[in-house]
Amino acid sequence: VVTVNAAKAVYQSLIQRDGWSNIDAVRNGRIVLLSEELLQAPYLQTAAMLIIAKTSNSELLADVDLDDALQMLMEEAMGTLPTGVYYCQGGAQ
């Protein structure tokens, strides 16, 4: 289980790489880190796709709350929402 501080540290190390300050996504805060769990479990891959879609087109999905969507998908599949950080956008989740 990753902490918010660990996710922020990974984010900071990525955006400080040489040349990354020239990438539009970095300048616009549209970097998203996804947990391994989101990418491995089929029912959570839907959540990962939703997170990516909202990050890349936030205006179109303005009415979607990512935390609520993730919780709903996890509860439907598992019955509970495990603790941990599942995504980190723009350095904070």
C-alpha atoms as a PDB file:
ATOM      1  CA  VAL A   1       0.000   0.000   0.000  1.00  0.00           C
ATOM      2  CA  VAL A   2       1.445   3.314  -1.081  1.00  0.00           C
ATOM      3  CA  THR A   3       1.014   6.507   0.892  1.00  0.00           C
ATOM      4  CA  VAL A   4       0.072   9.893  -0.510  1.00  0.00           C
ATOM      5  CA  ASN A   5       3.535  11.158   0.411  1.00  0.00           C
ATOM      6  CA  ALA A   6       5.179   8.299  -1.510  1.00  0.00           C
ATOM      7  CA  ALA A   7       3.037   9.062  -4.570  1.00  0.00           C
ATOM      8  CA  LYS A   8       3.958  12.751  -4.331  1.00  0.00           C
ATOM      9  CA  ALA A   9       7.643  11.821  -4.120  1.00  0.00           C
ATOM     10  CA  VAL A  10       7.383   9.697  -7.281  1.00  0.00           C
ATOM     11  CA  TYR A  11       5.536  12.533  -9.034  1.00  0.00           C
ATOM     12  CA  GLN A  12       8.193  15.070  -8.018  1.00  0.00           C
ATOM     13  CA  SER A  13      11.022  12.805  -9.191  1.00  0.00           C
ATOM     14  CA  LEU A  14       9.336  12.401 -12.578  1.00  0.00           C
ATOM     15  CA  ILE A  15       8.651  16.061 -13.266  1.00  0.00           C
ATOM     16  CA  GLN A  16      12.200  17.017 -12.286  1.00  0.00           C
ATOM     17  CA  ARG A  17      13.738  14.836 -14.998  1.00  0.00           C
ATOM     18  CA  ASP A  18      15.718  16.649 -17.676  1.00  0.00           C
ATOM     19  CA  GLY A  19      13.438  18.045 -20.362  1.00  0.00           C
ATOM     20  CA  TRP A  20      10.169  17.191 -18.611  1.00  0.00           C
ATOM     21  CA  SER A  21       9.442  20.846 -17.856  1.00  0.00           C
ATOM     22  CA  ASN A  22       8.929  21.248 -21.625  1.00  0.00           C
ATOM     23  CA  ILE A  23       6.159  18.641 -21.779  1.00  0.00           C
ATOM     24  CA  ASP A  24       2.656  20.160 -21.988  1.00  0.00           C
ATOM     25  CA  ALA A  25       1.196  17.607 -19.581  1.00  0.00           C
ATOM     26  CA  VAL A  26       3.764  18.548 -16.924  1.00  0.00           C
ATOM     27  CA  ARG A  27       3.215  22.288 -17.416  1.00  0.00           C
ATOM     28  CA  ASN A  28      -0.571  21.811 -17.197  1.00  0.00           C
ATOM     29  CA  GLY A  29      -0.564  19.439 -14.209  1.00  0.00           C
ATOM     30  CA  ARG A  30      -1.998  16.593 -16.256  1.00  0.00           C
ATOM     31  CA  ILE A  31       0.342  13.886 -15.072  1.00  0.00           C
ATOM     32  CA  VAL A  32      -1.407  10.955 -13.460  1.00  0.00           C
ATOM     33  CA  LEU A  33       0.165   8.069 -11.577  1.00  0.00           C
ATOM     34  CA  LEU A  34      -1.832   4.841 -11.473  1.00  0.00           C
ATOM     35  CA  SER A  35      -1.306   2.062  -8.957  1.00  0.00           C
ATOM     36  CA  GLU A  36      -0.390  -1.383 -10.153  1.00  0.00           C
ATOM     37  CA  GLU A  37      -3.703  -2.671  -8.725  1.00  0.00           C
ATOM     38  CA  LEU A  38      -5.664  -0.464 -11.125  1.00  0.00           C
ATOM     39  CA  LEU A  39      -3.852  -1.935 -14.094  1.00  0.00           C
ATOM     40  CA  GLN A  40      -3.952  -5.604 -13.068  1.00  0.00           C
ATOM     41  CA  ALA A  41      -7.541  -6.178 -11.953  1.00  0.00           C
ATOM     42  CA  PRO A  42     -10.002  -6.213 -14.885  1.00  0.00           C
ATOM     43  CA  TYR A  43     -12.781  -4.516 -12.895  1.00  0.00           C
ATOM     44  CA  LEU A  44     -10.372  -1.742 -11.906  1.00  0.00           C
ATOM     45  CA  GLN A  45      -9.086  -1.222 -15.444  1.00  0.00           C
ATOM     46  CA  THR A  46     -12.400   0.552 -16.043  1.00  0.00           C
ATOM     47  CA  ALA A  47     -11.494   2.948 -13.244  1.00  0.00           C
ATOM     48  CA  ALA A  48      -8.015   3.440 -14.731  1.00  0.00           C
ATOM     49  CA  MET A  49      -9.543   4.310 -18.115  1.00  0.00           C
ATOM     50  CA  LEU A  50     -11.916   6.771 -16.456  1.00  0.00           C
ATOM     51  CA  ILE A  51      -9.039   8.424 -14.583  1.00  0.00           C
ATOM     52  CA  ILE A  52      -7.028   8.770 -17.794  1.00  0.00           C
ATOM     53  CA  ALA A  53     -10.045  10.124 -19.686  1.00  0.00           C
ATOM     54  CA  LYS A  54     -10.837  12.706 -17.020  1.00  0.00           C
ATOM     55  CA  THR A  55      -7.192  13.759 -16.776  1.00  0.00           C
ATOM     56  CA  SER A  56      -6.934  14.284 -20.516  1.00  0.00           C
ATOM     57  CA  ASN A  57     -10.349  15.925 -20.982  1.00  0.00           C
ATOM     58  CA  SER A  58     -11.495  17.265 -17.637  1.00  0.00           C
ATOM     59  CA  GLU A  59     -14.103  19.603 -19.145  1.00  0.00           C
ATOM     60  CA  LEU A  60     -15.993  16.771 -20.825  1.00  0.00           C
ATOM     61  CA  LEU A  61     -16.083  14.722 -17.613  1.00  0.00           C
ATOM     62  CA  ALA A  62     -16.488  17.608 -15.163  1.00  0.00           C
ATOM     63  CA  ASP A  63     -19.459  15.922 -13.476  1.00  0.00           C
ATOM     64  CA  VAL A  64     -17.525  12.685 -12.767  1.00  0.00           C
ATOM     65  CA  ASP A  65     -16.043  12.359  -9.281  1.00  0.00           C
ATOM     66  CA  LEU A  66     -13.119   9.954  -9.624  1.00  0.00           C
ATOM     67  CA  ASP A  67     -13.036   8.962  -5.957  1.00  0.00           C
ATOM     68  CA  ASP A  68     -16.751   8.109  -6.004  1.00  0.00           C
ATOM     69  CA  ALA A  69     -16.408   6.145  -9.256  1.00  0.00           C
ATOM     70  CA  LEU A  70     -13.426   4.194  -7.943  1.00  0.00           C
ATOM     71  CA  GLN A  71     -15.205   3.394  -4.697  1.00  0.00           C
ATOM     72  CA  MET A  72     -18.329   2.236  -6.531  1.00  0.00           C
ATOM     73  CA  LEU A  73     -16.365  -0.048  -8.866  1.00  0.00           C
ATOM     74  CA  MET A  74     -14.353  -1.563  -6.021  1.00  0.00           C
ATOM     75  CA  GLU A  75     -17.345  -2.094  -3.779  1.00  0.00           C
ATOM     76  CA  GLU A  76     -19.288  -3.793  -6.579  1.00  0.00           C
ATOM     77  CA  ALA A  77     -16.414  -6.188  -7.236  1.00  0.00           C
ATOM     78  CA  MET A  78     -15.006  -6.708  -3.752  1.00  0.00           C
ATOM     79  CA  GLY A  79     -17.649  -5.539  -1.296  1.00  0.00           C
ATOM     80  CA  THR A  80     -15.266  -3.066   0.331  1.00  0.00           C
ATOM     81  CA  LEU A  81     -12.803  -0.370  -0.587  1.00  0.00           C
ATOM     82  CA  PRO A  82      -9.272  -1.328   0.447  1.00  0.00           C
ATOM     83  CA  THR A  83      -7.101   1.431   1.837  1.00  0.00           C
ATOM     84  CA  GLY A  84      -4.273   2.903  -0.183  1.00  0.00           C
ATOM     85  CA  VAL A  85      -3.526   5.331  -2.961  1.00  0.00           C
ATOM     86  CA  TYR A  86      -4.825   4.226  -6.335  1.00  0.00           C
ATOM     87  CA  TYR A  87      -4.122   7.314  -8.381  1.00  0.00           C
ATOM     88  CA  CYS A  88      -2.292  10.583  -7.996  1.00  0.00           C
ATOM     89  CA  GLN A  89      -2.962  13.470 -10.338  1.00  0.00           C
ATOM     90  CA  GLY A  90      -0.869  16.601 -10.535  1.00  0.00           C
ATOM     91  CA  GLY A  91       1.128  15.691  -7.456  1.00  0.00           C
ATOM     92  CA  ALA A  92      -1.850  15.357  -5.125  1.00  0.00           C
ATOM     93  CA  GLN A  93      -4.741  12.952  -4.940  1.00  0.00           C
END
